[in-house]
Amino acid sequence: MFININVGTFKFVLIAELLVEGITQHAAEQLGDVVFVELPSLGDTVTQGASFGTVESVKAVSDLGAPMDGEVIGVNTNLENAPENVNTDPYNDGWLIQIKCLDADNTKHLMPADDYEQWLEKGE
């Protein structure tokens, strides 16, 4: 697992043939109870750093930024009826979208999950 901290939204990314994006446990805790998630449609193109959707919590509405350029090939439609999964299980049932990367070599801005945990312990 890698963490995208460049856009300041603390999202996780699993890298293989595709990216699976969601928010980190830390971000989920900071947001508070998630009540609504707006996500793109299958086949949409996302641009690195640009907003592709929003997460609405009891505290705020937050934009979701793409970690890389790519095509949306999966959307977690379960979040329509269970947005709380973003809080309760962000790394499994609370994932957001799957992206087919347009440039899979563009991972330099992603931080390994272990490094991210150490970074959080140091106080962001």
Protein backbone atom coordinates (compact mmCIF):
# COMPACT_ATOMS: atom_id res chain seq x y z
CA MET A 1 0.00 0.00 0.00
CA PHE A 2 1.17 3.52 -0.77
CA ILE A 3 -0.08 6.81 0.61
CA ASN A 4 -0.53 9.93 -1.51
CA ILE A 5 0.32 12.89 0.72
CA ASN A 6 1.11 15.45 -1.97
CA VAL A 7 -2.47 16.58 -2.40
CA GLY A 8 -2.90 16.80 1.38
CA THR A 9 -5.89 14.49 1.53
CA PHE A 10 -4.27 11.36 2.98
CA LYS A 11 -5.55 8.81 0.53
CA PHE A 12 -4.28 5.29 0.16
CA VAL A 13 -3.43 3.66 -3.14
CA LEU A 14 -2.88 -0.03 -3.84
CA ILE A 15 -0.68 -0.48 -6.89
CA ALA A 16 -0.90 -3.45 -9.22
CA GLU A 17 -2.34 -3.45 -12.74
CA LEU A 18 -4.64 -0.74 -11.43
CA LEU A 19 -4.95 1.65 -8.52
CA VAL A 20 -7.53 1.26 -5.79
CA GLU A 21 -8.10 4.56 -4.07
CA GLY A 22 -9.65 5.43 -0.75
CA ILE A 23 -8.90 7.61 2.25
CA THR A 24 -6.64 6.55 5.11
CA GLN A 25 -7.87 5.63 8.59
CA HIS A 26 -6.30 8.89 9.82
CA ALA A 27 -8.26 10.93 7.28
CA ALA A 28 -11.46 9.04 8.11
CA GLU A 29 -11.01 9.90 11.78
CA GLN A 30 -10.36 13.57 10.97
CA LEU A 31 -13.47 13.78 8.76
CA GLY A 32 -15.90 12.47 11.33
CA ASP A 33 -18.97 10.48 10.31
CA VAL A 34 -19.24 10.26 6.52
CA VAL A 35 -22.84 10.73 5.36
CA PHE A 36 -22.48 10.96 1.55
CA VAL A 37 -19.93 10.11 -1.13
CA GLU A 38 -20.02 11.44 -4.71
CA LEU A 39 -17.90 9.41 -7.13
CA PRO A 40 -17.25 9.46 -10.89
CA SER A 41 -18.80 7.06 -13.38
CA LEU A 42 -17.15 4.05 -14.98
CA GLY A 43 -15.11 5.13 -17.98
CA ASP A 44 -14.52 8.67 -16.71
CA THR A 45 -10.98 10.02 -16.97
CA VAL A 46 -9.30 11.42 -13.85
CA THR A 47 -6.35 13.80 -13.77
CA GLN A 48 -3.62 13.71 -11.14
CA GLY A 49 -4.41 16.22 -8.40
CA ALA A 50 -7.78 17.22 -9.87
CA SER A 51 -11.02 16.59 -8.02
CA PHE A 52 -12.99 13.53 -9.10
CA GLY A 53 -15.63 13.56 -6.36
CA THR A 54 -16.45 14.53 -2.79
CA VAL A 55 -16.85 13.02 0.66
CA GLU A 56 -19.41 14.71 2.88
CA SER A 57 -19.17 14.25 6.63
CA VAL A 58 -20.92 15.81 9.58
CA LYS A 59 -17.96 18.23 9.76
CA ALA A 60 -17.30 19.22 6.14
CA VAL A 61 -17.42 18.44 2.44
CA SER A 62 -14.00 17.42 1.11
CA ASP A 63 -12.84 17.11 -2.48
CA LEU A 64 -11.21 13.88 -3.60
CA GLY A 65 -8.14 14.28 -5.80
CA ALA A 66 -6.77 11.64 -8.15
CA PRO A 67 -3.28 10.29 -7.37
CA MET A 68 -2.54 9.78 -11.08
CA ASP A 69 -3.98 10.26 -14.54
CA GLY A 70 -6.17 7.35 -15.50
CA GLU A 71 -9.49 5.83 -16.43
CA VAL A 72 -12.07 4.86 -13.80
CA ILE A 73 -12.61 1.11 -14.18
CA GLY A 74 -14.32 0.46 -10.83
CA VAL A 75 -16.59 2.44 -8.51
CA ASN A 76 -17.63 1.31 -5.03
CA THR A 77 -21.38 1.68 -5.53
CA ASN A 78 -21.98 0.15 -2.07
CA LEU A 79 -21.08 3.56 -0.64
CA GLU A 80 -24.35 4.97 -2.03
CA ASN A 81 -26.24 3.07 0.70
CA ALA A 82 -23.41 2.66 3.21
CA PRO A 83 -21.15 5.76 3.17
CA GLU A 84 -20.16 4.94 6.75
CA ASN A 85 -17.90 2.20 5.33
CA VAL A 86 -15.42 4.98 4.57
CA ASN A 87 -15.10 5.41 8.36
CA THR A 88 -15.48 1.87 9.59
CA ASP A 89 -13.40 0.01 7.00
CA PRO A 90 -11.55 2.47 4.73
CA TYR A 91 -9.03 -0.08 3.42
CA ASN A 92 -11.58 -2.74 2.45
CA ASP A 93 -15.32 -2.01 2.20
CA GLY A 94 -14.70 1.75 2.18
CA TRP A 95 -12.51 1.96 -0.95
CA LEU A 96 -13.63 4.60 -3.44
CA ILE A 97 -12.56 3.95 -7.04
CA GLN A 98 -10.29 1.78 -9.16
CA ILE A 99 -8.14 3.57 -11.71
CA LYS A 100 -6.36 2.12 -14.73
CA CYS A 101 -3.17 4.20 -14.82
CA LEU A 102 -2.21 6.04 -17.97
CA ASP A 103 1.40 6.25 -16.74
CA ALA A 104 2.14 3.46 -14.24
CA ASP A 105 5.73 4.71 -13.81
CA ASN A 106 4.44 7.89 -12.16
CA THR A 107 4.56 6.68 -8.52
CA LYS A 108 7.40 8.84 -7.14
CA HIS A 109 5.00 11.03 -5.16
CA LEU A 110 3.52 8.04 -3.32
CA MET A 111 4.79 7.06 0.11
CA PRO A 112 4.95 3.42 1.30
CA ALA A 113 2.39 2.77 4.04
CA ASP A 114 5.05 2.03 6.69
CA ASP A 115 6.76 5.36 5.98
CA TYR A 116 3.37 7.08 6.18
CA GLU A 117 2.73 5.65 9.66
CA GLN A 118 6.14 6.91 10.82
CA TRP A 119 5.42 10.29 9.24
CA LEU A 120 2.13 10.52 11.18
CA GLU A 121 3.88 9.63 14.44
CA LYS A 122 6.27 12.54 13.90
CA GLY A 123 3.30 14.89 13.78
CA GLU A 124 2.62 15.36 10.07
